[in-house]
Amino acid sequence: EAFPNHPFGLSDHTLSNHACLGAVALGASILERHFTD
């Protein structure tokens, strides 16, 4: 809302995908999570 001219998203540090999926429902265009094999 403060910066409507820029795509937005979530860099998430929880233990599951739930936060990222919830963010998409709210309009997030970028999702970032740490990754390991």
Full PDB file with SEQRES, HELIX, SHEET, SSBOND, CRYST1, ORIGX, SCALE, CONECT and MASTER records, all heavy atoms in Angstrom:
SEQRES   1 A   37  GLU ALA PHE PRO ASN HIS PRO PHE GLY LEU SER ASP HIS          
SEQRES   2 A   37  THR LEU SER ASN HIS ALA CYS LEU GLY ALA VAL ALA LEU          
SEQRES   3 A   37  GLY ALA SER ILE LEU GLU ARG HIS PHE THR ASP                  
HELIX    1 AA1 HIS A   18  ALA A   25  1                                   8    
SHEET    1 AA1 2 GLY A   9  ASP A  12  0                                        
SHEET    2 AA1 2 ILE A  30  ARG A  33  1                                        
CRYST1    1.000    1.000    1.000  90.00  90.00  90.00 P 1           1          
ORIGX1      1.000000  0.000000  0.000000        0.00000                         
ORIGX2      0.000000  1.000000  0.000000        0.00000                         
ORIGX3      0.000000  0.000000  1.000000        0.00000                         
SCALE1      1.000000  0.000000  0.000000        0.00000                         
SCALE2      0.000000  1.000000  0.000000        0.00000                         
SCALE3      0.000000  0.000000  1.000000        0.00000                         
ATOM      1  N   GLU A   1       0.826  -1.213   0.000  1.00  0.00           N  
ATOM      2  CA  GLU A   1       0.000   0.000   0.000  1.00  0.00           C  
ATOM      3  C   GLU A   1       0.854   1.254   0.000  1.00  0.00           C  
ATOM      4  O   GLU A   1       0.509   2.257  -0.639  1.00  0.00           O  
ATOM      5  CB  GLU A   1      -0.908  -0.012   1.225  1.00  0.00           C  
ATOM      6  CG  GLU A   1      -2.001  -1.076   1.156  1.00  0.00           C  
ATOM      7  CD  GLU A   1      -2.687  -1.288   2.490  1.00  0.00           C  
ATOM      8  OE1 GLU A   1      -2.374  -0.533   3.445  1.00  0.00           O  
ATOM      9  OE2 GLU A   1      -3.528  -2.204   2.595  1.00  0.00           O  
ATOM     10  N   ALA A   2       2.000   1.199   0.699  1.00  0.00           N  
ATOM     11  CA  ALA A   2       2.875   2.371   0.778  1.00  0.00           C  
ATOM     12  C   ALA A   2       3.648   2.590  -0.519  1.00  0.00           C  
ATOM     13  O   ALA A   2       3.954   3.737  -0.876  1.00  0.00           O  
ATOM     14  CB  ALA A   2       3.845   2.213   1.949  1.00  0.00           C  
ATOM     15  N   PHE A   3       3.950   1.492  -1.224  1.00  0.00           N  
ATOM     16  CA  PHE A   3       4.767   1.592  -2.444  1.00  0.00           C  
ATOM     17  C   PHE A   3       4.091   0.795  -3.573  1.00  0.00           C  
ATOM     18  O   PHE A   3       4.621  -0.225  -4.033  1.00  0.00           O  
ATOM     19  CB  PHE A   3       6.180   1.076  -2.171  1.00  0.00           C  
ATOM     20  CG  PHE A   3       6.821   1.696  -0.957  1.00  0.00           C  
ATOM     21  CD1 PHE A   3       6.908   0.993   0.232  1.00  0.00           C  
ATOM     22  CD2 PHE A   3       7.307   2.996  -1.003  1.00  0.00           C  
ATOM     23  CE1 PHE A   3       7.480   1.561   1.354  1.00  0.00           C  
ATOM     24  CE2 PHE A   3       7.889   3.582   0.117  1.00  0.00           C  
ATOM     25  CZ  PHE A   3       7.972   2.864   1.307  1.00  0.00           C  
ATOM     26  N   PRO A   4       2.947   1.259  -4.034  1.00  0.00           N  
ATOM     27  CA  PRO A   4       2.146   0.484  -4.989  1.00  0.00           C  
ATOM     28  C   PRO A   4       2.758   0.358  -6.376  1.00  0.00           C  
ATOM     29  O   PRO A   4       2.280  -0.446  -7.183  1.00  0.00           O  
ATOM     30  CB  PRO A   4       0.827   1.270  -5.047  1.00  0.00           C  
ATOM     31  CG  PRO A   4       1.206   2.677  -4.691  1.00  0.00           C  
ATOM     32  CD  PRO A   4       2.292   2.540  -3.668  1.00  0.00           C  
ATOM     33  N   ASN A   5       3.794   1.124  -6.653  1.00  0.00           N  
ATOM     34  CA  ASN A   5       4.402   1.088  -7.990  1.00  0.00           C  
ATOM     35  C   ASN A   5       5.499   0.037  -8.115  1.00  0.00           C  
ATOM     36  O   ASN A   5       6.195  -0.015  -9.134  1.00  0.00           O  
ATOM     37  CB  ASN A   5       4.974   2.464  -8.348  1.00  0.00           C  
ATOM     38  CG  ASN A   5       3.890   3.511  -8.493  1.00  0.00           C  
ATOM     39  OD1 ASN A   5       2.791   3.216  -8.975  1.00  0.00           O  
ATOM     40  ND2 ASN A   5       4.171   4.729  -8.073  1.00  0.00           N  
ATOM     41  N   HIS A   6       5.648  -0.789  -7.075  1.00  0.00           N  
ATOM     42  CA  HIS A   6       6.707  -1.802  -7.093  1.00  0.00           C  
ATOM     43  C   HIS A   6       6.131  -3.181  -6.807  1.00  0.00           C  
ATOM     44  O   HIS A   6       5.318  -3.336  -5.885  1.00  0.00           O  
ATOM     45  CB  HIS A   6       7.774  -1.462  -6.040  1.00  0.00           C  
ATOM     46  CG  HIS A   6       8.417  -0.129  -6.258  1.00  0.00           C  
ATOM     47  ND1 HIS A   6       9.411   0.076  -7.192  1.00  0.00           N  
ATOM     48  CD2 HIS A   6       8.188   1.077  -5.672  1.00  0.00           C  
ATOM     49  CE1 HIS A   6       9.763   1.357  -7.168  1.00  0.00           C  
ATOM     50  NE2 HIS A   6       9.040   1.978  -6.259  1.00  0.00           N  
ATOM     51  N   PRO A   7       6.540  -4.195  -7.588  1.00  0.00           N  
ATOM     52  CA  PRO A   7       6.144  -5.566  -7.244  1.00  0.00           C  
ATOM     53  C   PRO A   7       6.601  -5.887  -5.824  1.00  0.00           C  
ATOM     54  O   PRO A   7       7.605  -5.356  -5.354  1.00  0.00           O  
ATOM     55  CB  PRO A   7       6.891  -6.421  -8.275  1.00  0.00           C  
ATOM     56  CG  PRO A   7       7.226  -5.496  -9.387  1.00  0.00           C  
ATOM     57  CD  PRO A   7       7.425  -4.146  -8.762  1.00  0.00           C  
ATOM     58  N   PHE A   8       5.863  -6.769  -5.170  1.00  0.00           N  
ATOM     59  CA  PHE A   8       6.215  -7.075  -3.783  1.00  0.00           C  
ATOM     60  C   PHE A   8       6.097  -8.568  -3.529  1.00  0.00           C  
ATOM     61  O   PHE A   8       5.543  -9.323  -4.339  1.00  0.00           O  
ATOM     62  CB  PHE A   8       5.295  -6.307  -2.823  1.00  0.00           C  
ATOM     63  CG  PHE A   8       3.860  -6.763  -2.825  1.00  0.00           C  
ATOM     64  CD1 PHE A   8       3.386  -7.616  -1.837  1.00  0.00           C  
ATOM     65  CD2 PHE A   8       2.979  -6.359  -3.821  1.00  0.00           C  
ATOM     66  CE1 PHE A   8       2.065  -8.042  -1.842  1.00  0.00           C  
ATOM     67  CE2 PHE A   8       1.657  -6.783  -3.829  1.00  0.00           C  
ATOM     68  CZ  PHE A   8       1.198  -7.634  -2.838  1.00  0.00           C  
ATOM     69  N   GLY A   9       6.638  -8.978  -2.400  1.00  0.00           N  
ATOM     70  CA  GLY A   9       6.585 -10.390  -2.056  1.00  0.00           C  
ATOM     71  C   GLY A   9       7.080 -10.638  -0.654  1.00  0.00           C  
ATOM     72  O   GLY A   9       7.117  -9.734   0.186  1.00  0.00           O  
ATOM     73  N   LEU A  10       7.491 -11.887  -0.406  1.00  0.00           N  
ATOM     74  CA  LEU A  10       7.868 -12.323   0.938  1.00  0.00           C  
ATOM     75  C   LEU A  10       9.171 -13.094   0.886  1.00  0.00           C  
ATOM     76  O   LEU A  10       9.338 -14.012   0.089  1.00  0.00           O  
ATOM     77  CB  LEU A  10       6.775 -13.227   1.524  1.00  0.00           C  
ATOM     78  CG  LEU A  10       7.013 -13.755   2.937  1.00  0.00           C  
ATOM     79  CD1 LEU A  10       6.897 -12.623   3.956  1.00  0.00           C  
ATOM     80  CD2 LEU A  10       6.032 -14.875   3.273  1.00  0.00           C  
ATOM     81  N   SER A  11      10.103 -12.694   1.734  1.00  0.00           N  
ATOM     82  CA  SER A  11      11.288 -13.499   2.010  1.00  0.00           C  
ATOM     83  C   SER A  11      11.026 -14.172   3.348  1.00  0.00           C  
ATOM     84  O   SER A  11      10.943 -13.512   4.382  1.00  0.00           O  
ATOM     85  CB  SER A  11      12.546 -12.620   2.073  1.00  0.00           C  
ATOM     86  OG  SER A  11      13.687 -13.410   2.361  1.00  0.00           O  
ATOM     87  N   ASP A  12      10.889 -15.482   3.315  1.00  0.00           N  
ATOM     88  CA  ASP A  12      10.327 -16.198   4.462  1.00  0.00           C  
ATOM     89  C   ASP A  12      11.371 -17.058   5.163  1.00  0.00           C  
ATOM     90  O   ASP A  12      12.204 -17.705   4.517  1.00  0.00           O  
ATOM     91  CB  ASP A  12       9.169 -17.077   3.983  1.00  0.00           C  
ATOM     92  CG  ASP A  12       8.562 -17.873   5.115  1.00  0.00           C  
ATOM     93  OD1 ASP A  12       8.300 -17.282   6.178  1.00  0.00           O  
ATOM     94  OD2 ASP A  12       8.350 -19.087   4.934  1.00  0.00           O  
ATOM     95  N   HIS A  13      11.285 -17.084   6.500  1.00  0.00           N  
ATOM     96  CA  HIS A  13      12.206 -17.890   7.299  1.00  0.00           C  
ATOM     97  C   HIS A  13      11.464 -18.839   8.237  1.00  0.00           C  
ATOM     98  O   HIS A  13      12.003 -19.234   9.268  1.00  0.00           O  
ATOM     99  CB  HIS A  13      13.138 -16.974   8.097  1.00  0.00           C  
ATOM    100  CG  HIS A  13      13.947 -16.055   7.242  1.00  0.00           C  
ATOM    101  ND1 HIS A  13      13.825 -14.676   7.285  1.00  0.00           N  
ATOM    102  CD2 HIS A  13      14.878 -16.313   6.292  1.00  0.00           C  
ATOM    103  CE1 HIS A  13      14.652 -14.131   6.416  1.00  0.00           C  
ATOM    104  NE2 HIS A  13      15.295 -15.097   5.799  1.00  0.00           N  
ATOM    105  N   THR A  14      10.215 -19.190   7.899  1.00  0.00           N  
ATOM    106  CA  THR A  14       9.486 -20.173   8.695  1.00  0.00           C  
ATOM    107  C   THR A  14       9.935 -21.577   8.282  1.00  0.00           C  
ATOM    108  O   THR A  14      10.854 -21.746   7.486  1.00  0.00           O  
ATOM    109  CB  THR A  14       7.973 -20.022   8.518  1.00  0.00           C  
ATOM    110  OG1 THR A  14       7.629 -20.317   7.147  1.00  0.00           O  
ATOM    111  CG2 THR A  14       7.507 -18.616   8.863  1.00  0.00           C  
ATOM    112  N   LEU A  15       9.243 -22.576   8.807  1.00  0.00           N  
ATOM    113  CA  LEU A  15       9.653 -23.961   8.580  1.00  0.00           C  
ATOM    114  C   LEU A  15       8.799 -24.687   7.546  1.00  0.00           C  
ATOM    115  O   LEU A  15       8.933 -25.901   7.385  1.00  0.00           O  
ATOM    116  CB  LEU A  15       9.607 -24.727   9.911  1.00  0.00           C  
ATOM    117  CG  LEU A  15      10.519 -24.177  11.011  1.00  0.00           C  
ATOM    118  CD1 LEU A  15      10.366 -24.999  12.292  1.00  0.00           C  
ATOM    119  CD2 LEU A  15      11.968 -24.143  10.562  1.00  0.00           C  
ATOM    120  N   SER A  16       7.919 -23.953   6.859  1.00  0.00           N  
ATOM    121  CA  SER A  16       7.052 -24.596   5.865  1.00  0.00           C  
ATOM    122  C   SER A  16       6.720 -23.596   4.768  1.00  0.00           C  
ATOM    123  O   SER A  16       7.137 -22.433   4.816  1.00  0.00           O  
ATOM    124  CB  SER A  16       5.759 -25.093   6.518  1.00  0.00           C  
ATOM    125  OG  SER A  16       4.910 -23.998   6.839  1.00  0.00           O  
ATOM    126  N   ASN A  17       5.942 -24.059   3.793  1.00  0.00           N  
ATOM    127  CA  ASN A  17       5.537 -23.200   2.672  1.00  0.00           C  
ATOM    128  C   ASN A  17       4.298 -22.366   2.956  1.00  0.00           C  
ATOM    129  O   ASN A  17       3.880 -21.569   2.118  1.00  0.00           O  
ATOM    130  CB  ASN A  17       5.255 -24.065   1.432  1.00  0.00           C  
ATOM    131  CG  ASN A  17       6.521 -24.594   0.779  1.00  0.00           C  
ATOM    132  OD1 ASN A  17       7.586 -23.988   0.887  1.00  0.00           O  
ATOM    133  ND2 ASN A  17       6.405 -25.733   0.114  1.00  0.00           N  
ATOM    134  N   HIS A  18       3.681 -22.551   4.112  1.00  0.00           N  
ATOM    135  CA  HIS A  18       2.382 -21.924   4.357  1.00  0.00           C  
ATOM    136  C   HIS A  18       2.434 -20.403   4.247  1.00  0.00           C  
ATOM    137  O   HIS A  18       1.532 -19.780   3.670  1.00  0.00           O  
ATOM    138  CB  HIS A  18       1.858 -22.328   5.738  1.00  0.00           C  
ATOM    139  CG  HIS A  18       1.533 -23.786   5.839  1.00  0.00           C  
ATOM    140  ND1 HIS A  18       2.421 -24.722   6.317  1.00  0.00           N  
ATOM    141  CD2 HIS A  18       0.424 -24.478   5.495  1.00  0.00           C  
ATOM    142  CE1 HIS A  18       1.870 -25.918   6.274  1.00  0.00           C  
ATOM    143  NE2 HIS A  18       0.656 -25.797   5.776  1.00  0.00           N  
ATOM    144  N   ALA A  19       3.454 -19.782   4.817  1.00  0.00           N  
ATOM    145  CA  ALA A  19       3.533 -18.318   4.780  1.00  0.00           C  
ATOM    146  C   ALA A  19       3.638 -17.817   3.347  1.00  0.00           C  
ATOM    147  O   ALA A  19       2.979 -16.842   2.963  1.00  0.00           O  
ATOM    148  CB  ALA A  19       4.726 -17.832   5.611  1.00  0.00           C  
ATOM    149  N   CYS A  20       4.455 -18.474   2.545  1.00  0.00           N  
ATOM    150  CA  CYS A  20       4.614 -18.057   1.148  1.00  0.00           C  
ATOM    151  C   CYS A  20       3.320 -18.220   0.364  1.00  0.00           C  
ATOM    152  O   CYS A  20       2.948 -17.351  -0.433  1.00  0.00           O  
ATOM    153  CB  CYS A  20       5.736 -18.857   0.491  1.00  0.00           C  
ATOM    154  SG  CYS A  20       7.405 -18.343   0.962  1.00  0.00           S  
ATOM    155  N   LEU A  21       2.630 -19.321   0.577  1.00  0.00           N  
ATOM    156  CA  LEU A  21       1.380 -19.539  -0.142  1.00  0.00           C  
ATOM    157  C   LEU A  21       0.326 -18.520   0.290  1.00  0.00           C  
ATOM    158  O   LEU A  21      -0.440 -18.011  -0.540  1.00  0.00           O  
ATOM    159  CB  LEU A  21       0.887 -20.963   0.087  1.00  0.00           C  
ATOM    160  CG  LEU A  21       1.796 -22.060  -0.487  1.00  0.00           C  
ATOM    161  CD1 LEU A  21       1.282 -23.434  -0.081  1.00  0.00           C  
ATOM    162  CD2 LEU A  21       1.904 -21.961  -2.005  1.00  0.00           C  
ATOM    163  N   GLY A  22       0.307 -18.199   1.589  1.00  0.00           N  
ATOM    164  CA  GLY A  22      -0.598 -17.153   2.049  1.00  0.00           C  
ATOM    165  C   GLY A  22      -0.261 -15.808   1.442  1.00  0.00           C  
ATOM    166  O   GLY A  22      -1.155 -15.014   1.101  1.00  0.00           O  
ATOM    167  N   ALA A  23       1.039 -15.551   1.269  1.00  0.00           N  
ATOM    168  CA  ALA A  23       1.464 -14.288   0.663  1.00  0.00           C  
ATOM    169  C   ALA A  23       0.993 -14.179  -0.775  1.00  0.00           C  
ATOM    170  O   ALA A  23       0.589 -13.101  -1.230  1.00  0.00           O  
ATOM    171  CB  ALA A  23       2.990 -14.170   0.741  1.00  0.00           C  
ATOM    172  N   VAL A  24       1.024 -15.286  -1.510  1.00  0.00           N  
ATOM    173  CA  VAL A  24       0.558 -15.263  -2.905  1.00  0.00           C  
ATOM    174  C   VAL A  24      -0.915 -14.890  -2.961  1.00  0.00           C  
ATOM    175  O   VAL A  24      -1.343 -14.110  -3.818  1.00  0.00           O  
ATOM    176  CB  VAL A  24       0.794 -16.624  -3.587  1.00  0.00           C  
ATOM    177  CG1 VAL A  24       0.205 -16.624  -4.995  1.00  0.00           C  
ATOM    178  CG2 VAL A  24       2.276 -16.932  -3.662  1.00  0.00           C  
ATOM    179  N   ALA A  25      -1.698 -15.434  -2.037  1.00  0.00           N  
ATOM    180  CA  ALA A  25      -3.124 -15.109  -2.015  1.00  0.00           C  
ATOM    181  C   ALA A  25      -3.355 -13.618  -1.812  1.00  0.00           C  
ATOM    182  O   ALA A  25      -4.358 -13.068  -2.266  1.00  0.00           O  
ATOM    183  CB  ALA A  25      -3.827 -15.903  -0.914  1.00  0.00           C  
ATOM    184  N   LEU A  26      -2.410 -12.956  -1.156  1.00  0.00           N  
ATOM    185  CA  LEU A  26      -2.516 -11.516  -0.903  1.00  0.00           C  
ATOM    186  C   LEU A  26      -1.824 -10.679  -1.990  1.00  0.00           C  
ATOM    187  O   LEU A  26      -1.725  -9.465  -1.865  1.00  0.00           O  
ATOM    188  CB  LEU A  26      -1.918 -11.189   0.463  1.00  0.00           C  
ATOM    189  CG  LEU A  26      -2.680 -11.771   1.656  1.00  0.00           C  
ATOM    190  CD1 LEU A  26      -1.928 -11.496   2.954  1.00  0.00           C  
ATOM    191  CD2 LEU A  26      -4.091 -11.205   1.738  1.00  0.00           C  
ATOM    192  N   GLY A  27      -1.335 -11.336  -3.043  1.00  0.00           N  
ATOM    193  CA  GLY A  27      -0.794 -10.596  -4.173  1.00  0.00           C  
ATOM    194  C   GLY A  27       0.698 -10.660  -4.366  1.00  0.00           C  
ATOM    195  O   GLY A  27       1.234 -10.015  -5.269  1.00  0.00           O  
ATOM    196  N   ALA A  28       1.408 -11.439  -3.552  1.00  0.00           N  
ATOM    197  CA  ALA A  28       2.868 -11.502  -3.665  1.00  0.00           C  
ATOM    198  C   ALA A  28       3.302 -12.027  -5.025  1.00  0.00           C  
ATOM    199  O   ALA A  28       2.730 -12.982  -5.551  1.00  0.00           O  
ATOM    200  CB  ALA A  28       3.451 -12.379  -2.558  1.00  0.00           C  
ATOM    201  N   SER A  29       4.335 -11.405  -5.573  1.00  0.00           N  
ATOM    202  CA  SER A  29       4.878 -11.800  -6.875  1.00  0.00           C  
ATOM    203  C   SER A  29       6.236 -12.480  -6.766  1.00  0.00           C  
ATOM    204  O   SER A  29       6.723 -13.055  -7.740  1.00  0.00           O  
ATOM    205  CB  SER A  29       5.026 -10.574  -7.781  1.00  0.00           C  
ATOM    206  OG  SER A  29       3.776  -9.991  -8.048  1.00  0.00           O  
ATOM    207  N   ILE A  30       6.869 -12.391  -5.589  1.00  0.00           N  
ATOM    208  CA  ILE A  30       8.179 -12.992  -5.368  1.00  0.00           C  
ATOM    209  C   ILE A  30       8.138 -13.741  -4.043  1.00  0.00           C  
ATOM    210  O   ILE A  30       7.644 -13.222  -3.030  1.00  0.00           O  
ATOM    211  CB  ILE A  30       9.296 -11.941  -5.321  1.00  0.00           C  
ATOM    212  CG1 ILE A  30       9.314 -11.100  -6.601  1.00  0.00           C  
ATOM    213  CG2 ILE A  30      10.666 -12.608  -5.117  1.00  0.00           C  
ATOM    214  CD1 ILE A  30      10.300  -9.949  -6.568  1.00  0.00           C  
ATOM    215  N   LEU A  31       8.660 -14.962  -4.042  1.00  0.00           N  
ATOM    216  CA  LEU A  31       8.764 -15.770  -2.838  1.00  0.00           C  
ATOM    217  C   LEU A  31      10.201 -16.237  -2.704  1.00  0.00           C  
ATOM    218  O   LEU A  31      10.758 -16.819  -3.646  1.00  0.00           O  
ATOM    219  CB  LEU A  31       7.840 -16.990  -2.922  1.00  0.00           C  
ATOM    220  CG  LEU A  31       6.367 -16.707  -3.252  1.00  0.00           C  
ATOM    221  CD1 LEU A  31       5.641 -18.015  -3.538  1.00  0.00           C  
ATOM    222  CD2 LEU A  31       5.694 -15.939  -2.122  1.00  0.00           C  
ATOM    223  N   GLU A  32      10.787 -15.991  -1.553  1.00  0.00           N  
ATOM    224  CA  GLU A  32      12.174 -16.404  -1.335  1.00  0.00           C  
ATOM    225  C   GLU A  32      12.252 -17.239  -0.063  1.00  0.00           C  
ATOM    226  O   GLU A  32      11.733 -16.859   0.983  1.00  0.00           O  
ATOM    227  CB  GLU A  32      13.074 -15.175  -1.197  1.00  0.00           C  
ATOM    228  CG  GLU A  32      14.538 -15.530  -0.936  1.00  0.00           C  
ATOM    229  CD  GLU A  32      15.388 -14.287  -0.724  1.00  0.00           C  
ATOM    230  OE1 GLU A  32      15.217 -13.612   0.310  1.00  0.00           O  
ATOM    231  OE2 GLU A  32      16.229 -14.000  -1.602  1.00  0.00           O  
ATOM    232  N   ARG A  33      12.876 -18.407  -0.194  1.00  0.00           N  
ATOM    233  CA  ARG A  33      13.165 -19.239   0.971  1.00  0.00           C  
ATOM    234  C   ARG A  33      14.578 -19.783   0.854  1.00  0.00           C  
ATOM    235  O   ARG A  33      15.072 -20.026  -0.257  1.00  0.00           O  
ATOM    236  CB  ARG A  33      12.193 -20.415   1.095  1.00  0.00           C  
ATOM    237  CG  ARG A  33      10.784 -20.047   1.539  1.00  0.00           C  
ATOM    238  CD  ARG A  33      10.010 -21.294   1.959  1.00  0.00           C  
ATOM    239  NE  ARG A  33      10.577 -21.873   3.174  1.00  0.00           N  
ATOM    240  CZ  ARG A  33      10.319 -23.113   3.612  1.00  0.00           C  
ATOM    241  NH1 ARG A  33       9.522 -23.897   2.912  1.00  0.00           N  
ATOM    242  NH2 ARG A  33      10.873 -23.557   4.718  1.00  0.00           N  
ATOM    243  N   HIS A  34      15.236 -19.964   1.985  1.00  0.00           N  
ATOM    244  CA  HIS A  34      16.528 -20.645   1.979  1.00  0.00           C  
ATOM    245  C   HIS A  34      16.338 -22.059   1.445  1.00  0.00           C  
ATOM    246  O   HIS A  34      15.255 -22.656   1.570  1.00  0.00           O  
ATOM    247  CB  HIS A  34      17.118 -20.672   3.390  1.00  0.00           C  
ATOM    248  CG  HIS A  34      17.651 -19.347   3.831  1.00  0.00           C  
ATOM    249  ND1 HIS A  34      18.913 -18.899   3.489  1.00  0.00           N  
ATOM    250  CD2 HIS A  34      17.096 -18.373   4.577  1.00  0.00           C  
ATOM    251  CE1 HIS A  34      19.107 -17.702   4.017  1.00  0.00           C  
ATOM    252  NE2 HIS A  34      18.019 -17.355   4.674  1.00  0.00           N  
ATOM    253  N   PHE A  35      17.400 -22.595   0.861  1.00  0.00           N  
ATOM    254  CA  PHE A  35      17.298 -23.868   0.144  1.00  0.00           C  
ATOM    255  C   PHE A  35      18.505 -24.748   0.436  1.00  0.00           C  
ATOM    256  O   PHE A  35      19.634 -24.268   0.556  1.00  0.00           O  
ATOM    257  CB  PHE A  35      17.206 -23.606  -1.364  1.00  0.00           C  
ATOM    258  CG  PHE A  35      17.087 -24.863  -2.187  1.00  0.00           C  
ATOM    259  CD1 PHE A  35      15.843 -25.445  -2.397  1.00  0.00           C  
ATOM    260  CD2 PHE A  35      18.207 -25.477  -2.722  1.00  0.00           C  
ATOM    261  CE1 PHE A  35      15.722 -26.620  -3.139  1.00  0.00           C  
ATOM    262  CE2 PHE A  35      18.099 -26.646  -3.465  1.00  0.00           C  
ATOM    263  CZ  PHE A  35      16.845 -27.210  -3.674  1.00  0.00           C  
ATOM    264  N   THR A  36      18.245 -26.041   0.522  1.00  0.00           N  
ATOM    265  CA  THR A  36      19.314 -27.032   0.657  1.00  0.00           C  
ATOM    266  C   THR A  36      18.916 -28.304  -0.071  1.00  0.00           C  
ATOM    267  O   THR A  36      17.722 -28.562  -0.285  1.00  0.00           O  
ATOM    268  CB  THR A  36      19.600 -27.359   2.137  1.00  0.00           C  
ATOM    269  OG1 THR A  36      20.685 -28.287   2.207  1.00  0.00           O  
ATOM    270  CG2 THR A  36      18.377 -27.957   2.826  1.00  0.00           C  
ATOM    271  N   ASP A  37      19.904 -29.078  -0.456  1.00  0.00           N  
ATOM    272  CA  ASP A  37      19.598 -30.374  -1.065  1.00  0.00           C  
ATOM    273  C   ASP A  37      19.230 -31.404   0.003  1.00  0.00           C  
ATOM    274  O   ASP A  37      18.355 -32.241  -0.204  1.00  0.00           O  
ATOM    275  CB  ASP A  37      20.753 -30.866  -1.936  1.00  0.00           C  
ATOM    276  CG  ASP A  37      22.088 -30.896  -1.209  1.00  0.00           C  
ATOM    277  OD1 ASP A  37      22.203 -30.305  -0.104  1.00  0.00           O  
ATOM    278  OD2 ASP A  37      23.047 -31.496  -1.744  1.00  0.00           O  
TER     279      ASP A  37                                                      
MASTER        0    0    0    1    2    0    0    6  278    1    0    3          
END                                                                             
